[in-house]
Amino acid sequence: MSKPGKFSPGPWTFESVSFGSPDAPISHKKIVAASVNGEVGRNMIAEVHMNHPNHEADGQLLAASPELYEALYALRQFGFNVAGNKMQQANLQNWYELADKALAKARGESS
């Protein structure tokens, strides 16, 4: 099974953005990824406007997308190992760790 990678690599972060002076109120938050291919700065992935009632939870979930993808990919690979009777405890533990980290980030408990 191939591992597609046509998206911005993680990790992504969920950050506050204010316009104008540093004392201006935060008007929205953004999901950003690290720069790629020698670009300067970081790449904005999406904006989450704060007038939406679930903006905080939605932003955390979006920012966790690369980790969630990795966890699901690892689960899929693990499924192939089980089907082929090649299950190893280290693979299972690695998948649990990936899944736990991705889920915690999606809940806003870690970055």
Protein backbone atom coordinates (compact mmCIF):
# COMPACT_ATOMS: atom_id res chain seq x y z
CA MET A 1 0.00 0.00 0.00
CA SER A 2 1.47 3.36 -0.99
CA LYS A 3 1.49 6.35 1.33
CA PRO A 4 0.19 9.40 -0.60
CA GLY A 5 1.74 12.71 0.36
CA LYS A 6 0.21 15.42 -1.81
CA PHE A 7 -0.56 17.61 1.20
CA SER A 8 1.54 19.99 3.30
CA PRO A 9 3.67 17.97 5.71
CA GLY A 10 3.01 18.23 9.44
CA PRO A 11 3.10 19.14 12.09
CA TRP A 12 0.42 21.78 11.74
CA THR A 13 -0.33 24.29 14.50
CA PHE A 14 -3.41 26.29 15.48
CA GLU A 15 -2.51 29.90 16.21
CA SER A 16 -4.21 33.20 17.06
CA VAL A 17 -3.97 36.10 14.62
CA SER A 18 -4.70 39.77 15.28
CA PHE A 19 -4.65 42.56 12.73
CA GLY A 20 -3.30 46.06 13.22
CA SER A 21 -1.54 46.81 16.48
CA PRO A 22 -0.26 44.11 18.86
CA ASP A 23 -3.03 45.17 21.27
CA ALA A 24 -5.79 44.55 18.70
CA PRO A 25 -8.30 41.84 19.59
CA ILE A 26 -7.82 38.45 18.01
CA SER A 27 -10.10 38.28 14.98
CA HIS A 28 -9.45 34.74 13.84
CA LYS A 29 -7.12 31.79 14.20
CA LYS A 30 -5.19 29.95 11.55
CA ILE A 31 -3.77 26.50 10.91
CA VAL A 32 -0.18 26.69 9.67
CA ALA A 33 2.41 24.20 8.47
CA ALA A 34 6.16 24.48 8.48
CA SER A 35 7.75 25.83 5.33
CA VAL A 36 8.62 23.34 2.63
CA ASN A 37 11.11 23.30 -0.26
CA GLY A 38 13.25 26.07 1.20
CA GLU A 39 10.41 28.58 1.52
CA VAL A 40 10.79 31.28 4.16
CA GLY A 41 8.25 31.31 6.98
CA ARG A 42 5.30 29.02 7.29
CA ASN A 43 2.38 28.09 5.08
CA MET A 44 -1.17 28.94 6.10
CA ILE A 45 -3.43 25.93 5.59
CA ALA A 46 -6.77 27.33 6.75
CA GLU A 47 -8.44 30.09 8.75
CA VAL A 48 -10.95 29.53 11.51
CA HIS A 49 -13.11 32.56 12.31
CA MET A 50 -13.91 33.07 15.95
CA ASN A 51 -17.59 33.90 15.38
CA HIS A 52 -18.26 30.21 14.75
CA PRO A 53 -19.46 28.51 17.96
CA ASN A 54 -17.08 25.53 17.61
CA HIS A 55 -14.04 27.41 16.31
CA GLU A 56 -11.64 26.17 18.98
CA ALA A 57 -12.52 22.47 18.62
CA ASP A 58 -12.64 22.71 14.81
CA GLY A 59 -9.22 24.36 14.69
CA GLN A 60 -7.65 21.75 16.95
CA LEU A 61 -9.11 18.96 14.82
CA LEU A 62 -7.82 20.54 11.60
CA ALA A 63 -4.36 21.08 13.08
CA ALA A 64 -4.23 17.41 14.10
CA SER A 65 -4.91 16.23 10.52
CA PRO A 66 -1.34 15.13 9.70
CA GLU A 67 -1.06 13.12 12.93
CA LEU A 68 -4.50 11.58 12.42
CA TYR A 69 -3.47 10.61 8.90
CA GLU A 70 -0.26 8.99 10.19
CA ALA A 71 -2.16 7.08 12.88
CA LEU A 72 -4.70 5.77 10.38
CA TYR A 73 -1.97 4.85 7.94
CA ALA A 74 -0.14 2.97 10.71
CA LEU A 75 -3.37 1.17 11.64
CA ARG A 76 -3.85 0.12 8.04
CA GLN A 77 -0.29 -1.20 7.89
CA PHE A 78 -0.82 -2.97 11.20
CA GLY A 79 -3.93 -4.62 9.74
CA PHE A 80 -1.82 -6.04 6.92
CA ASN A 81 0.66 -7.41 9.46
CA VAL A 82 -2.12 -9.12 11.43
CA ALA A 83 -3.62 -10.59 8.28
CA GLY A 84 -0.22 -12.00 7.35
CA ASN A 85 0.35 -13.41 10.87
CA LYS A 86 3.37 -11.10 11.26
CA MET A 87 2.03 -9.10 14.22
CA GLN A 88 4.72 -7.73 16.49
CA GLN A 89 4.13 -6.15 19.88
CA ALA A 90 6.39 -3.19 18.95
CA ASN A 91 4.17 -2.36 15.97
CA LEU A 92 1.07 -2.42 18.15
CA GLN A 93 2.67 -0.18 20.78
CA ASN A 94 3.88 2.25 18.10
CA TRP A 95 0.38 2.51 16.64
CA TYR A 96 -1.15 3.13 20.09
CA GLU A 97 1.35 5.95 20.68
CA LEU A 98 0.62 7.54 17.28
CA ALA A 99 -3.11 7.29 17.86
CA ASP A 100 -2.93 8.68 21.42
CA LYS A 101 -0.84 11.68 20.30
CA ALA A 102 -3.11 12.43 17.34
CA LEU A 103 -6.27 12.18 19.43
CA ALA A 104 -4.83 14.37 22.19
CA LYS A 105 -3.87 17.02 19.64
CA ALA A 106 -7.33 16.86 18.06
CA ARG A 107 -8.83 17.51 21.51
CA GLY A 108 -6.49 20.48 22.01
CA GLU A 109 -4.53 18.78 24.79
CA SER A 110 -1.13 19.02 23.07
CA SER A 111 0.48 20.60 20.01
